[in-house]
Amino acid sequence: MPKPVVPEEKRRRRRPTRSGTVLSERLIVETALRLLREHGSAGLTARRLGLALDCDPSTLYRYFRGMDDLTLAIGDALIGQALTGWGPTGQWRADLRTIGLRIHAAYVAHPQAALLTANRVTGRAHELAADEAVLDVLRTAGFSLEETVRVYHAFIDQTLAFAALDSASLALPTASQRADEDKWHSTYARLPRASHPRIAEAAPLLAGRMVTSAYPTALEMLLDSAAGRLAMAGG
């Protein structure tokens, strides 16, 4: 059975670690994010966290039921970072654009953490707040309940899918990243029109666009579609 999580107020009464650090859920998550950035997912272990926090690894289980529970907390923290300072403007399209871009940016700022958490459902406070915000923006705009869920589903999945895709590229070694980007110049740009006429004519544009994220474009296409359906419904 999983170990019970000790309530926050009881954790605060515990003595500091050997180095004088007072542990908290937030500190553990922030340290985990740093370890992911420095060592990747393979480096995120209870033992390594304990060393980084100067505490016995078993202490971590007073805050989290296990490493998977910590993973969910990391994902929720990324969403929390994305929503910090955001508030609705009453313009549904602008609001969804801002939420999407904020979430995407928060994840790609921590690519290793994004790869670990983008496909997870945390059920935690920040995720719930984000979902409530998106649903409220859509319902307030006049979308029917069924259409709200449809757009919400596409919006969230598209945002997290691009976050994972772009993070996967950023998580590659620098040499691999450059090699992939160079392919648009070293291979695609040199293909003859006789064998690959469409690639040849598009090569200069492809070289400029394919090394950037397509998420902003895809997001606008989704918003265009949603706006069209809202108009057809008389909203």
C-alpha atoms as a PDB file:
ATOM      1  CA  MET A   1       0.000   0.000   0.000  1.00  0.00           C
ATOM      2  CA  PRO A   2       1.216   3.559  -0.649  1.00  0.00           C
ATOM      3  CA  LYS A   3       2.494   5.448   2.324  1.00  0.00           C
ATOM      4  CA  PRO A   4       0.161   8.126   3.696  1.00  0.00           C
ATOM      5  CA  VAL A   5       1.070  11.714   2.902  1.00  0.00           C
ATOM      6  CA  VAL A   6       1.605  13.799   6.015  1.00  0.00           C
ATOM      7  CA  PRO A   7      -0.495  17.011   6.085  1.00  0.00           C
ATOM      8  CA  GLU A   8       1.474  20.176   5.305  1.00  0.00           C
ATOM      9  CA  GLU A   9       1.005  21.677   8.768  1.00  0.00           C
ATOM     10  CA  LYS A  10       2.651  18.652  10.380  1.00  0.00           C
ATOM     11  CA  ARG A  11       5.588  18.754   7.963  1.00  0.00           C
ATOM     12  CA  ARG A  12       6.329  22.347   8.891  1.00  0.00           C
ATOM     13  CA  ARG A  13       6.865  21.406  12.509  1.00  0.00           C
ATOM     14  CA  ARG A  14       9.656  19.020  11.638  1.00  0.00           C
ATOM     15  CA  ARG A  15      13.262  19.986  12.146  1.00  0.00           C
ATOM     16  CA  PRO A  16      15.292  21.422   9.248  1.00  0.00           C
ATOM     17  CA  THR A  17      17.630  19.162   7.294  1.00  0.00           C
ATOM     18  CA  ARG A  18      21.278  18.815   8.239  1.00  0.00           C
ATOM     19  CA  SER A  19      22.151  21.920   6.201  1.00  0.00           C
ATOM     20  CA  GLY A  20      19.360  23.959   7.799  1.00  0.00           C
ATOM     21  CA  THR A  21      16.917  23.675   4.879  1.00  0.00           C
ATOM     22  CA  VAL A  22      13.243  23.515   5.769  1.00  0.00           C
ATOM     23  CA  LEU A  23      11.615  21.094   3.376  1.00  0.00           C
ATOM     24  CA  SER A  24       8.370  21.831   1.594  1.00  0.00           C
ATOM     25  CA  GLU A  25       6.480  20.428  -1.350  1.00  0.00           C
ATOM     26  CA  ARG A  26       7.450  23.465  -3.394  1.00  0.00           C
ATOM     27  CA  LEU A  27      11.163  23.148  -2.603  1.00  0.00           C
ATOM     28  CA  ILE A  28      11.153  19.469  -3.514  1.00  0.00           C
ATOM     29  CA  VAL A  29       9.418  20.163  -6.835  1.00  0.00           C
ATOM     30  CA  GLU A  30      11.803  23.018  -7.649  1.00  0.00           C
ATOM     31  CA  THR A  31      14.774  20.785  -6.868  1.00  0.00           C
ATOM     32  CA  ALA A  32      13.303  18.007  -8.990  1.00  0.00           C
ATOM     33  CA  LEU A  33      12.949  20.427 -11.907  1.00  0.00           C
ATOM     34  CA  ARG A  34      16.606  21.362 -11.546  1.00  0.00           C
ATOM     35  CA  LEU A  35      17.682  17.714 -11.499  1.00  0.00           C
ATOM     36  CA  LEU A  36      15.604  17.014 -14.596  1.00  0.00           C
ATOM     37  CA  ARG A  37      17.212  19.952 -16.363  1.00  0.00           C
ATOM     38  CA  GLU A  38      20.710  18.829 -15.414  1.00  0.00           C
ATOM     39  CA  HIS A  39      20.423  15.050 -15.637  1.00  0.00           C
ATOM     40  CA  GLY A  40      17.231  14.168 -17.521  1.00  0.00           C
ATOM     41  CA  SER A  41      14.544  11.804 -16.306  1.00  0.00           C
ATOM     42  CA  ALA A  42      17.096   9.109 -15.446  1.00  0.00           C
ATOM     43  CA  GLY A  43      18.582  11.466 -12.883  1.00  0.00           C
ATOM     44  CA  LEU A  44      15.356  12.004 -10.991  1.00  0.00           C
ATOM     45  CA  THR A  45      15.532   9.498  -8.158  1.00  0.00           C
ATOM     46  CA  ALA A  46      14.716   9.650  -4.475  1.00  0.00           C
ATOM     47  CA  ARG A  47      18.382   9.105  -3.684  1.00  0.00           C
ATOM     48  CA  ARG A  48      19.571  11.970  -5.885  1.00  0.00           C
ATOM     49  CA  LEU A  49      16.842  14.241  -4.524  1.00  0.00           C
ATOM     50  CA  GLY A  50      17.868  13.376  -0.998  1.00  0.00           C
ATOM     51  CA  LEU A  51      21.465  14.303  -1.761  1.00  0.00           C
ATOM     52  CA  ALA A  52      20.419  17.566  -3.390  1.00  0.00           C
ATOM     53  CA  LEU A  53      18.193  18.483  -0.441  1.00  0.00           C
ATOM     54  CA  ASP A  54      20.613  17.134   2.186  1.00  0.00           C
ATOM     55  CA  CYS A  55      17.990  14.834   3.665  1.00  0.00           C
ATOM     56  CA  ASP A  56      17.319  11.147   3.946  1.00  0.00           C
ATOM     57  CA  PRO A  57      15.504   9.962   0.781  1.00  0.00           C
ATOM     58  CA  SER A  58      12.792   8.417   2.933  1.00  0.00           C
ATOM     59  CA  THR A  59      11.846  11.921   4.119  1.00  0.00           C
ATOM     60  CA  LEU A  60      10.459  12.659   0.670  1.00  0.00           C
ATOM     61  CA  TYR A  61       7.688  10.167   1.261  1.00  0.00           C
ATOM     62  CA  ARG A  62       6.269  12.407   3.944  1.00  0.00           C
ATOM     63  CA  TYR A  63       5.397  14.799   1.121  1.00  0.00           C
ATOM     64  CA  PHE A  64       4.673  12.461  -1.793  1.00  0.00           C
ATOM     65  CA  ARG A  65       3.317   8.938  -2.010  1.00  0.00           C
ATOM     66  CA  GLY A  66       6.101   7.992  -4.376  1.00  0.00           C
ATOM     67  CA  MET A  67       8.070   9.218  -7.369  1.00  0.00           C
ATOM     68  CA  ASP A  68       4.993   9.043  -9.577  1.00  0.00           C
ATOM     69  CA  ASP A  69       3.141  11.347  -7.205  1.00  0.00           C
ATOM     70  CA  LEU A  70       6.095  13.734  -7.411  1.00  0.00           C
ATOM     71  CA  THR A  71       5.930  13.540 -11.209  1.00  0.00           C
ATOM     72  CA  LEU A  72       2.310  14.667 -11.091  1.00  0.00           C
ATOM     73  CA  ALA A  73       3.260  17.530  -8.793  1.00  0.00           C
ATOM     74  CA  ILE A  74       5.940  18.610 -11.268  1.00  0.00           C
ATOM     75  CA  GLY A  75       3.399  18.676 -14.089  1.00  0.00           C
ATOM     76  CA  ASP A  76       0.986  20.657 -11.969  1.00  0.00           C
ATOM     77  CA  ALA A  77       3.740  23.119 -11.082  1.00  0.00           C
ATOM     78  CA  LEU A  78       4.394  23.792 -14.772  1.00  0.00           C
ATOM     79  CA  ILE A  79       0.723  24.602 -15.299  1.00  0.00           C
ATOM     80  CA  GLY A  80       0.819  26.825 -12.217  1.00  0.00           C
ATOM     81  CA  GLN A  81       3.773  28.730 -13.653  1.00  0.00           C
ATOM     82  CA  ALA A  82       1.866  29.179 -16.900  1.00  0.00           C
ATOM     83  CA  LEU A  83      -1.214  30.646 -15.230  1.00  0.00           C
ATOM     84  CA  THR A  84       0.570  32.951 -12.787  1.00  0.00           C
ATOM     85  CA  GLY A  85      -0.659  36.475 -13.401  1.00  0.00           C
ATOM     86  CA  TRP A  86      -3.233  35.483 -16.012  1.00  0.00           C
ATOM     87  CA  GLY A  87      -6.811  36.737 -15.880  1.00  0.00           C
ATOM     88  CA  PRO A  88      -9.678  36.638 -18.375  1.00  0.00           C
ATOM     89  CA  THR A  89     -10.289  39.674 -20.554  1.00  0.00           C
ATOM     90  CA  GLY A  90     -13.727  38.715 -21.824  1.00  0.00           C
ATOM     91  CA  GLN A  91     -12.351  38.184 -25.330  1.00  0.00           C
ATOM     92  CA  TRP A  92     -12.572  34.420 -25.691  1.00  0.00           C
ATOM     93  CA  ARG A  93     -10.208  34.075 -28.620  1.00  0.00           C
ATOM     94  CA  ALA A  94      -7.513  36.257 -27.065  1.00  0.00           C
ATOM     95  CA  ASP A  95      -7.923  34.476 -23.734  1.00  0.00           C
ATOM     96  CA  LEU A  96      -7.527  31.004 -25.224  1.00  0.00           C
ATOM     97  CA  ARG A  97      -4.543  32.158 -27.268  1.00  0.00           C
ATOM     98  CA  THR A  98      -2.852  33.531 -24.166  1.00  0.00           C
ATOM     99  CA  ILE A  99      -3.550  30.418 -22.083  1.00  0.00           C
ATOM    100  CA  GLY A 100      -2.282  28.132 -24.827  1.00  0.00           C
ATOM    101  CA  LEU A 101       0.899  30.087 -25.456  1.00  0.00           C
ATOM    102  CA  ARG A 102       1.583  30.374 -21.724  1.00  0.00           C
ATOM    103  CA  ILE A 103       1.192  26.628 -21.142  1.00  0.00           C
ATOM    104  CA  HIS A 104       3.318  25.770 -24.172  1.00  0.00           C
ATOM    105  CA  ALA A 105       6.049  28.193 -23.070  1.00  0.00           C
ATOM    106  CA  ALA A 106       6.064  26.858 -19.509  1.00  0.00           C
ATOM    107  CA  TYR A 107       6.590  23.307 -20.713  1.00  0.00           C
ATOM    108  CA  VAL A 108       9.296  24.021 -23.305  1.00  0.00           C
ATOM    109  CA  ALA A 109      11.163  26.035 -20.664  1.00  0.00           C
ATOM    110  CA  HIS A 110      11.587  22.677 -18.890  1.00  0.00           C
ATOM    111  CA  PRO A 111      11.857  20.174 -21.755  1.00  0.00           C
ATOM    112  CA  GLN A 112      12.896  17.172 -19.668  1.00  0.00           C
ATOM    113  CA  ALA A 113      10.020  17.761 -17.257  1.00  0.00           C
ATOM    114  CA  ALA A 114       7.643  18.268 -20.179  1.00  0.00           C
ATOM    115  CA  LEU A 115       8.516  14.894 -21.660  1.00  0.00           C
ATOM    116  CA  LEU A 116       7.851  13.313 -18.290  1.00  0.00           C
ATOM    117  CA  THR A 117       4.535  15.033 -17.576  1.00  0.00           C
ATOM    118  CA  ALA A 118       2.804  16.344 -20.725  1.00  0.00           C
ATOM    119  CA  ASN A 119       0.707  13.186 -21.142  1.00  0.00           C
ATOM    120  CA  ARG A 120      -0.293  12.921 -17.485  1.00  0.00           C
ATOM    121  CA  VAL A 121      -3.512  13.940 -15.741  1.00  0.00           C
ATOM    122  CA  THR A 122      -2.528  15.341 -12.356  1.00  0.00           C
ATOM    123  CA  GLY A 123      -5.939  16.135 -10.858  1.00  0.00           C
ATOM    124  CA  ARG A 124      -4.134  18.777  -8.807  1.00  0.00           C
ATOM    125  CA  ALA A 125      -5.056  22.375  -8.059  1.00  0.00           C
ATOM    126  CA  HIS A 126      -3.304  24.159 -10.938  1.00  0.00           C
ATOM    127  CA  GLU A 127      -4.515  21.714 -13.552  1.00  0.00           C
ATOM    128  CA  LEU A 128      -8.067  21.987 -12.235  1.00  0.00           C
ATOM    129  CA  ALA A 129      -7.821  25.787 -12.302  1.00  0.00           C
ATOM    130  CA  ALA A 130      -6.599  25.731 -15.906  1.00  0.00           C
ATOM    131  CA  ASP A 131      -9.374  23.398 -17.007  1.00  0.00           C
ATOM    132  CA  GLU A 132     -11.985  25.477 -15.210  1.00  0.00           C
ATOM    133  CA  ALA A 133     -10.637  28.627 -16.861  1.00  0.00           C
ATOM    134  CA  VAL A 134     -10.727  27.194 -20.391  1.00  0.00           C
ATOM    135  CA  LEU A 135     -14.215  25.767 -19.947  1.00  0.00           C
ATOM    136  CA  ASP A 136     -15.459  29.041 -18.494  1.00  0.00           C
ATOM    137  CA  VAL A 137     -13.983  31.086 -21.350  1.00  0.00           C
ATOM    138  CA  LEU A 138     -15.772  28.888 -23.875  1.00  0.00           C
ATOM    139  CA  ARG A 139     -19.123  28.776 -22.083  1.00  0.00           C
ATOM    140  CA  THR A 140     -19.080  32.523 -21.463  1.00  0.00           C
ATOM    141  CA  ALA A 141     -18.389  33.063 -25.170  1.00  0.00           C
ATOM    142  CA  GLY A 142     -21.616  31.262 -26.025  1.00  0.00           C
ATOM    143  CA  PHE A 143     -20.424  27.808 -27.021  1.00  0.00           C
ATOM    144  CA  SER A 144     -22.897  25.036 -26.285  1.00  0.00           C
ATOM    145  CA  LEU A 145     -21.884  22.534 -23.630  1.00  0.00           C
ATOM    146  CA  GLU A 146     -21.147  19.849 -26.212  1.00  0.00           C
ATOM    147  CA  GLU A 147     -19.140  22.257 -28.381  1.00  0.00           C
ATOM    148  CA  THR A 148     -17.312  23.589 -25.319  1.00  0.00           C
ATOM    149  CA  VAL A 149     -16.084  20.105 -24.461  1.00  0.00           C
ATOM    150  CA  ARG A 150     -15.152  19.464 -28.090  1.00  0.00           C
ATOM    151  CA  VAL A 151     -13.058  22.639 -28.375  1.00  0.00           C
ATOM    152  CA  TYR A 152     -11.584  22.205 -24.886  1.00  0.00           C
ATOM    153  CA  HIS A 153     -10.450  18.672 -25.762  1.00  0.00           C
ATOM    154  CA  ALA A 154      -8.783  19.777 -29.001  1.00  0.00           C
ATOM    155  CA  PHE A 155      -7.258  22.862 -27.391  1.00  0.00           C
ATOM    156  CA  ILE A 156      -5.693  21.099 -24.410  1.00  0.00           C
ATOM    157  CA  ASP A 157      -4.456  18.083 -26.350  1.00  0.00           C
ATOM    158  CA  GLN A 158      -3.015  20.238 -29.127  1.00  0.00           C
ATOM    159  CA  THR A 159      -1.208  22.458 -26.629  1.00  0.00           C
ATOM    160  CA  LEU A 160       0.323  19.574 -24.701  1.00  0.00           C
ATOM    161  CA  ALA A 161       1.147  17.611 -27.866  1.00  0.00           C
ATOM    162  CA  PHE A 162       3.134  20.506 -29.290  1.00  0.00           C
ATOM    163  CA  ALA A 163       4.734  21.078 -25.891  1.00  0.00           C
ATOM    164  CA  ALA A 164       5.920  17.461 -25.887  1.00  0.00           C
ATOM    165  CA  LEU A 165       7.044  17.572 -29.544  1.00  0.00           C
ATOM    166  CA  ASP A 166       8.992  20.794 -29.158  1.00  0.00           C
ATOM    167  CA  SER A 167      10.436  19.678 -25.821  1.00  0.00           C
ATOM    168  CA  ALA A 168      11.650  16.440 -27.404  1.00  0.00           C
ATOM    169  CA  SER A 169      13.691  18.491 -29.865  1.00  0.00           C
ATOM    170  CA  LEU A 170      15.042  20.771 -27.142  1.00  0.00           C
ATOM    171  CA  ALA A 171      16.004  17.774 -25.009  1.00  0.00           C
ATOM    172  CA  LEU A 172      18.290  16.416 -27.735  1.00  0.00           C
ATOM    173  CA  PRO A 173      22.042  16.950 -27.455  1.00  0.00           C
ATOM    174  CA  THR A 174      23.051  20.211 -29.091  1.00  0.00           C
ATOM    175  CA  ALA A 175      24.880  18.414 -31.895  1.00  0.00           C
ATOM    176  CA  SER A 176      21.779  16.387 -32.738  1.00  0.00           C
ATOM    177  CA  GLN A 177      19.600  19.493 -32.726  1.00  0.00           C
ATOM    178  CA  ARG A 178      21.922  21.222 -35.159  1.00  0.00           C
ATOM    179  CA  ALA A 179      22.161  18.165 -37.383  1.00  0.00           C
ATOM    180  CA  ASP A 180      18.374  17.961 -37.631  1.00  0.00           C
ATOM    181  CA  GLU A 181      18.064  21.657 -38.447  1.00  0.00           C
ATOM    182  CA  ASP A 182      20.861  21.490 -41.015  1.00  0.00           C
ATOM    183  CA  LYS A 183      18.967  18.808 -42.945  1.00  0.00           C
ATOM    184  CA  TRP A 184      16.671  21.534 -44.330  1.00  0.00           C
ATOM    185  CA  HIS A 185      19.720  23.150 -45.942  1.00  0.00           C
ATOM    186  CA  SER A 186      22.012  20.194 -46.598  1.00  0.00           C
ATOM    187  CA  THR A 187      19.355  17.807 -47.936  1.00  0.00           C
ATOM    188  CA  TYR A 188      16.003  19.427 -48.691  1.00  0.00           C
ATOM    189  CA  ALA A 189      17.422  22.577 -50.282  1.00  0.00           C
ATOM    190  CA  ARG A 190      19.582  20.501 -52.634  1.00  0.00           C
ATOM    191  CA  LEU A 191      16.948  18.175 -54.018  1.00  0.00           C
ATOM    192  CA  PRO A 192      16.525  18.550 -57.783  1.00  0.00           C
ATOM    193  CA  ARG A 193      13.272  19.866 -59.209  1.00  0.00           C
ATOM    194  CA  ALA A 194      13.155  16.933 -61.592  1.00  0.00           C
ATOM    195  CA  SER A 195      12.644  14.388 -58.820  1.00  0.00           C
ATOM    196  CA  HIS A 196      11.126  16.517 -56.035  1.00  0.00           C
ATOM    197  CA  PRO A 197       9.530  19.576 -57.642  1.00  0.00           C
ATOM    198  CA  ARG A 198       7.314  20.557 -54.703  1.00  0.00           C
ATOM    199  CA  ILE A 199      10.064  20.261 -52.119  1.00  0.00           C
ATOM    200  CA  ALA A 200      12.445  22.171 -54.391  1.00  0.00           C
ATOM    201  CA  GLU A 201      10.094  25.112 -54.836  1.00  0.00           C
ATOM    202  CA  ALA A 202       9.292  25.232 -51.112  1.00  0.00           C
ATOM    203  CA  ALA A 203      12.821  24.585 -49.816  1.00  0.00           C
ATOM    204  CA  PRO A 204      13.726  28.216 -48.943  1.00  0.00           C
ATOM    205  CA  LEU A 205      10.494  28.648 -47.004  1.00  0.00           C
ATOM    206  CA  LEU A 206      10.784  25.234 -45.368  1.00  0.00           C
ATOM    207  CA  ALA A 207      14.296  26.039 -44.161  1.00  0.00           C
ATOM    208  CA  GLY A 208      12.985  29.089 -42.371  1.00  0.00           C
ATOM    209  CA  ARG A 209       9.821  27.638 -40.874  1.00  0.00           C
ATOM    210  CA  MET A 210      10.677  24.059 -40.002  1.00  0.00           C
ATOM    211  CA  VAL A 211      13.217  25.035 -37.364  1.00  0.00           C
ATOM    212  CA  THR A 212      10.557  26.894 -35.381  1.00  0.00           C
ATOM    213  CA  SER A 213       7.508  25.632 -33.509  1.00  0.00           C
ATOM    214  CA  ALA A 214       4.310  25.281 -35.513  1.00  0.00           C
ATOM    215  CA  TYR A 215       2.229  25.640 -32.369  1.00  0.00           C
ATOM    216  CA  PRO A 216       1.248  29.317 -32.850  1.00  0.00           C
ATOM    217  CA  THR A 217       0.064  28.535 -36.385  1.00  0.00           C
ATOM    218  CA  ALA A 218      -1.801  25.415 -35.324  1.00  0.00           C
ATOM    219  CA  LEU A 219      -3.390  27.322 -32.445  1.00  0.00           C
ATOM    220  CA  GLU A 220      -4.678  30.030 -34.808  1.00  0.00           C
ATOM    221  CA  MET A 221      -6.111  27.363 -37.091  1.00  0.00           C
ATOM    222  CA  LEU A 222      -7.935  25.790 -34.150  1.00  0.00           C
ATOM    223  CA  LEU A 223      -9.269  29.171 -33.037  1.00  0.00           C
ATOM    224  CA  ASP A 224     -10.403  29.936 -36.605  1.00  0.00           C
ATOM    225  CA  SER A 225     -12.286  26.650 -36.679  1.00  0.00           C
ATOM    226  CA  ALA A 226     -13.892  27.272 -33.289  1.00  0.00           C
ATOM    227  CA  ALA A 227     -14.911  30.813 -34.292  1.00  0.00           C
ATOM    228  CA  GLY A 228     -16.470  29.506 -37.486  1.00  0.00           C
ATOM    229  CA  ARG A 229     -18.488  26.889 -35.659  1.00  0.00           C
ATOM    230  CA  LEU A 230     -19.604  29.446 -33.082  1.00  0.00           C
ATOM    231  CA  ALA A 231     -20.784  31.766 -35.861  1.00  0.00           C
ATOM    232  CA  MET A 232     -22.673  28.952 -37.564  1.00  0.00           C
ATOM    233  CA  ALA A 233     -24.402  28.201 -34.284  1.00  0.00           C
ATOM    234  CA  GLY A 234     -25.450  31.831 -34.020  1.00  0.00           C
ATOM    235  CA  GLY A 235     -23.094  32.714 -31.180  1.00  0.00           C
END
